[in-house]
Amino acid sequence: MSKLMKRALIFGASGGIGGAIADNLSKRHWDVTSLSRSLNQFDVTDENSVKAAFASVDGPFDFILIATGALEINSAPEKSINHLSQSNMIDHFMTNTIGPAHILKYVKSFLNKKSSSVVSVLSARVGSIEDNKLGGWYSYRAAKAALNQIVKSFSIELSRSHPKACLLAIHPGTVDTNLTHRYASKHPTKTPTEAAQNILDVTLTKDSSHTGRFYDWANEEIPW
């Protein structure tokens, strides 16, 4: 392997967005390590599985993407608070908040302290409290808002040990995947290939001066 080859670690690489980003980077001649439930029996909701995944790879990485998550788990997003279910909320927090937090817990050892690196976490605009104009989708919104808080908090901690690292949350837009197909009719969609290019255009141009921020696919900053 060339010493100059960039290295990427993709969590959720069997999903539409994660897979497209892995393909995009491979075509750019990056060394890409892919982890997912279907490829490696990786379970983001199980911390032991996350630890085992990190034990199976060798760092450091220039780019780490957390592309895990789910919009629908056992039921459709709630239109009213009357539709709230304790079990559904727990499932959303396990998948969309606690799972990515498990990954971030072990990230530091896989980043080079002496060189620039980017860690990007797929979030969602609906996780922005300030941007919430419609309400509804309680479990998903709350889980993504909690994820955003973890990203913000960990970016501060990470900057102390890895001053050249950048940790971002990113909203990929509405992408034509299994996750969104029931809810995309009112929104312009992008193919996973287009979304991957947009995400990489945003994330790979960022440095430590941008850490702890939330961007959309068009490089516009989203309020927390």
Protein backbone atom coordinates (compact mmCIF):
# COMPACT_ATOMS: atom_id res chain seq x y z
CA MET A 1 0.00 0.00 0.00
CA SER A 2 1.28 3.47 -0.86
CA LYS A 3 2.18 5.56 2.17
CA LEU A 4 0.34 8.43 0.48
CA MET A 5 -2.92 6.51 0.05
CA LYS A 6 -5.78 8.01 2.03
CA ARG A 7 -7.66 5.66 4.33
CA ALA A 8 -11.37 5.63 5.16
CA LEU A 9 -13.50 3.66 7.60
CA ILE A 10 -17.22 3.45 6.76
CA PHE A 11 -19.80 2.27 9.30
CA GLY A 12 -23.09 1.31 7.66
CA ALA A 13 -21.45 0.53 4.33
CA SER A 14 -24.24 -1.76 3.15
CA GLY A 15 -26.77 1.09 3.26
CA GLY A 16 -27.50 3.24 0.24
CA ILE A 17 -25.46 6.24 1.32
CA GLY A 18 -22.66 4.38 3.08
CA GLY A 19 -22.21 2.01 0.16
CA ALA A 20 -22.15 4.83 -2.38
CA ILE A 21 -19.53 6.72 -0.38
CA ALA A 22 -17.39 3.60 -0.08
CA ASP A 23 -17.63 3.11 -3.86
CA ASN A 24 -16.84 6.76 -4.54
CA LEU A 25 -13.73 6.72 -2.37
CA SER A 26 -12.55 3.41 -3.82
CA LYS A 27 -12.76 4.94 -7.30
CA ARG A 28 -10.56 7.76 -6.02
CA HIS A 29 -8.03 5.09 -4.98
CA TRP A 30 -8.60 5.44 -1.27
CA ASP A 31 -8.04 2.42 0.95
CA VAL A 32 -11.60 1.82 2.22
CA THR A 33 -12.59 -0.41 5.13
CA SER A 34 -16.33 -1.15 5.21
CA LEU A 35 -18.33 -2.34 8.20
CA SER A 36 -22.04 -3.22 8.26
CA ARG A 37 -24.55 -5.70 9.57
CA SER A 38 -24.74 -7.62 6.29
CA LEU A 39 -21.00 -7.57 5.58
CA ASN A 40 -19.57 -8.16 9.05
CA GLN A 41 -22.52 -8.87 11.39
CA PHE A 42 -21.82 -5.41 12.83
CA ASP A 43 -24.56 -4.28 15.23
CA VAL A 44 -24.39 -0.59 16.10
CA THR A 45 -26.79 -1.07 19.02
CA ASP A 46 -24.44 -3.54 20.75
CA GLU A 47 -21.33 -2.00 22.27
CA ASN A 48 -19.54 -5.36 22.25
CA SER A 49 -20.12 -5.55 18.51
CA VAL A 50 -18.72 -2.03 18.09
CA LYS A 51 -15.63 -2.94 20.14
CA ALA A 52 -15.14 -6.10 18.07
CA ALA A 53 -15.44 -4.08 14.86
CA PHE A 54 -12.70 -1.68 15.94
CA ALA A 55 -10.55 -4.62 17.05
CA SER A 56 -10.80 -6.03 13.53
CA VAL A 57 -9.33 -2.97 11.78
CA ASP A 58 -6.02 -1.15 11.82
CA GLY A 59 -5.84 2.62 11.98
CA PRO A 60 -5.18 5.38 11.63
CA PHE A 61 -7.83 6.67 9.21
CA ASP A 62 -8.04 10.01 7.42
CA PHE A 63 -11.83 9.86 7.18
CA ILE A 64 -14.39 8.01 9.29
CA LEU A 65 -18.07 8.04 8.35
CA ILE A 66 -20.90 6.89 10.60
CA ALA A 67 -23.70 6.20 8.13
CA THR A 68 -25.91 4.10 10.39
CA GLY A 69 -29.49 5.00 11.31
CA ALA A 70 -33.15 4.35 10.64
CA LEU A 71 -36.24 6.46 10.09
CA GLU A 72 -38.74 3.63 10.47
CA ILE A 73 -37.98 0.90 12.97
CA ASN A 74 -41.21 -0.81 14.02
CA SER A 75 -43.72 1.85 13.05
CA ALA A 76 -44.11 4.98 10.97
CA PRO A 77 -42.92 8.32 12.40
CA GLU A 78 -45.46 9.76 14.81
CA LYS A 79 -47.75 12.48 13.46
CA SER A 80 -49.06 13.25 16.96
CA ILE A 81 -47.76 12.86 20.49
CA ASN A 82 -50.73 10.54 21.00
CA HIS A 83 -48.90 8.02 18.83
CA LEU A 84 -45.83 7.87 21.08
CA SER A 85 -44.67 4.41 22.07
CA GLN A 86 -42.07 3.79 24.75
CA SER A 87 -40.62 0.83 22.88
CA ASN A 88 -40.39 2.78 19.63
CA MET A 89 -38.64 5.70 21.33
CA ILE A 90 -36.16 3.32 22.94
CA ASP A 91 -35.48 1.67 19.58
CA HIS A 92 -34.85 5.05 17.94
CA PHE A 93 -32.46 6.14 20.64
CA MET A 94 -30.60 2.82 20.50
CA THR A 95 -30.21 3.02 16.71
CA ASN A 96 -29.89 6.75 16.02
CA THR A 97 -28.20 8.04 19.19
CA ILE A 98 -26.60 5.40 21.38
CA GLY A 99 -25.25 3.37 18.45
CA PRO A 100 -23.28 6.24 16.88
CA ALA A 101 -22.17 7.28 20.38
CA HIS A 102 -20.74 3.79 20.87
CA ILE A 103 -18.66 4.31 17.73
CA LEU A 104 -17.47 7.77 18.75
CA LYS A 105 -16.39 6.35 22.11
CA TYR A 106 -13.64 4.32 20.38
CA VAL A 107 -12.74 6.68 17.52
CA LYS A 108 -9.82 8.54 19.09
CA SER A 109 -7.41 5.62 18.91
CA PHE A 110 -7.98 5.39 15.15
CA LEU A 111 -7.07 8.98 14.31
CA ASN A 112 -3.57 10.35 13.86
CA LYS A 113 -2.87 13.15 16.34
CA LYS A 114 -0.28 14.70 14.04
CA SER A 115 -2.31 14.94 10.82
CA SER A 116 -5.69 16.22 9.72
CA SER A 117 -8.67 13.89 9.84
CA VAL A 118 -12.44 14.14 9.46
CA VAL A 119 -15.13 12.19 11.29
CA SER A 120 -18.59 12.69 9.79
CA VAL A 121 -21.85 11.50 11.34
CA LEU A 122 -25.03 11.30 9.28
CA SER A 123 -27.70 13.25 11.10
CA ALA A 124 -30.91 14.85 9.79
CA ARG A 125 -32.27 18.37 9.50
CA VAL A 126 -35.31 17.29 11.52
CA GLY A 127 -32.95 16.90 14.47
CA SER A 128 -32.47 20.68 14.54
CA ILE A 129 -34.59 22.20 17.31
CA GLU A 130 -34.38 25.71 15.85
CA ASP A 131 -35.32 24.50 12.37
CA ASN A 132 -38.39 22.57 13.57
CA LYS A 133 -41.37 24.21 11.87
CA LEU A 134 -43.76 21.26 11.49
CA GLY A 135 -43.54 19.17 14.66
CA GLY A 136 -44.29 15.46 14.65
CA TRP A 137 -41.82 12.63 14.14
CA TYR A 138 -41.12 12.75 17.88
CA SER A 139 -38.89 9.73 18.34
CA TYR A 140 -36.76 10.30 15.24
CA ARG A 141 -36.42 14.05 15.84
CA ALA A 142 -35.51 13.56 19.50
CA ALA A 143 -32.97 10.83 18.74
CA LYS A 144 -31.27 12.92 16.06
CA ALA A 145 -31.28 16.00 18.31
CA ALA A 146 -29.59 13.91 21.00
CA LEU A 147 -27.08 12.66 18.43
CA ASN A 148 -26.30 16.26 17.48
CA GLN A 149 -25.61 17.08 21.13
CA ILE A 150 -23.20 14.14 21.36
CA VAL A 151 -21.40 15.29 18.22
CA LYS A 152 -21.08 18.82 19.57
CA SER A 153 -19.88 17.68 23.01
CA PHE A 154 -17.41 15.13 21.68
CA SER A 155 -16.00 17.63 19.17
CA ILE A 156 -14.85 19.73 22.13
CA GLU A 157 -13.25 16.75 23.86
CA LEU A 158 -11.67 15.48 20.65
CA SER A 159 -10.05 18.85 19.92
CA ARG A 160 -8.08 18.60 23.16
CA SER A 161 -6.34 15.35 22.23
CA HIS A 162 -6.51 15.64 18.43
CA PRO A 163 -6.25 19.35 17.55
CA LYS A 164 -6.14 18.63 13.82
CA ALA A 165 -9.31 16.53 13.78
CA CYS A 166 -12.71 17.69 12.58
CA LEU A 167 -15.97 16.13 13.79
CA LEU A 168 -19.14 17.04 11.88
CA ALA A 169 -22.82 16.20 11.72
CA ILE A 170 -24.19 16.22 8.18
CA HIS A 171 -27.68 16.16 6.71
CA PRO A 172 -27.54 14.26 3.40
CA GLY A 173 -30.84 15.58 2.03
CA THR A 174 -33.64 13.28 0.93
CA VAL A 175 -31.94 10.33 -0.69
CA ASP A 176 -33.74 7.66 -2.69
CA THR A 177 -33.08 4.71 -0.38
CA ASN A 178 -35.16 2.14 1.47
CA LEU A 179 -35.02 4.41 4.52
CA THR A 180 -36.92 7.27 2.84
CA HIS A 181 -38.96 5.85 -0.03
CA ARG A 182 -42.30 6.16 1.78
CA TYR A 183 -41.69 9.80 2.66
CA ALA A 184 -39.91 11.22 -0.36
CA SER A 185 -42.88 12.09 -2.57
CA LYS A 186 -43.08 15.71 -1.37
CA HIS A 187 -39.35 16.33 -1.55
CA PRO A 188 -36.80 16.39 -4.36
CA THR A 189 -34.61 13.33 -4.02
CA LYS A 190 -31.06 12.45 -4.95
CA THR A 191 -29.65 9.10 -5.86
CA PRO A 192 -27.20 7.56 -3.39
CA THR A 193 -24.41 8.26 -5.89
CA GLU A 194 -25.32 11.95 -6.03
CA ALA A 195 -25.69 12.14 -2.26
CA ALA A 196 -22.30 10.50 -1.75
CA GLN A 197 -20.61 13.05 -4.00
CA ASN A 198 -22.33 15.91 -2.16
CA ILE A 199 -21.38 14.58 1.26
CA LEU A 200 -17.76 14.10 0.28
CA ASP A 201 -17.63 17.55 -1.35
CA VAL A 202 -18.69 19.00 2.00
CA THR A 203 -16.80 16.85 4.47
CA LEU A 204 -13.46 16.43 2.76
CA THR A 205 -13.02 20.19 2.43
CA LYS A 206 -13.35 20.73 6.18
CA ASP A 207 -10.58 21.05 8.75
CA SER A 208 -10.29 21.55 12.50
CA SER A 209 -11.64 25.10 12.23
CA HIS A 210 -15.03 23.60 11.28
CA THR A 211 -15.24 20.99 14.03
CA GLY A 212 -18.43 20.68 16.05
CA ARG A 213 -20.70 22.04 13.33
CA PHE A 214 -23.75 20.79 11.44
CA TYR A 215 -23.93 21.05 7.64
CA ASP A 216 -26.32 20.00 4.94
CA TRP A 217 -25.47 18.38 1.62
CA ALA A 218 -25.18 21.82 -0.05
CA ASN A 219 -22.59 23.01 2.49
CA GLU A 220 -25.06 25.27 4.30
CA GLU A 221 -24.70 25.29 8.08
CA ILE A 222 -27.76 24.12 9.99
CA PRO A 223 -28.57 25.54 13.43
CA TRP A 224 -28.52 23.03 16.25
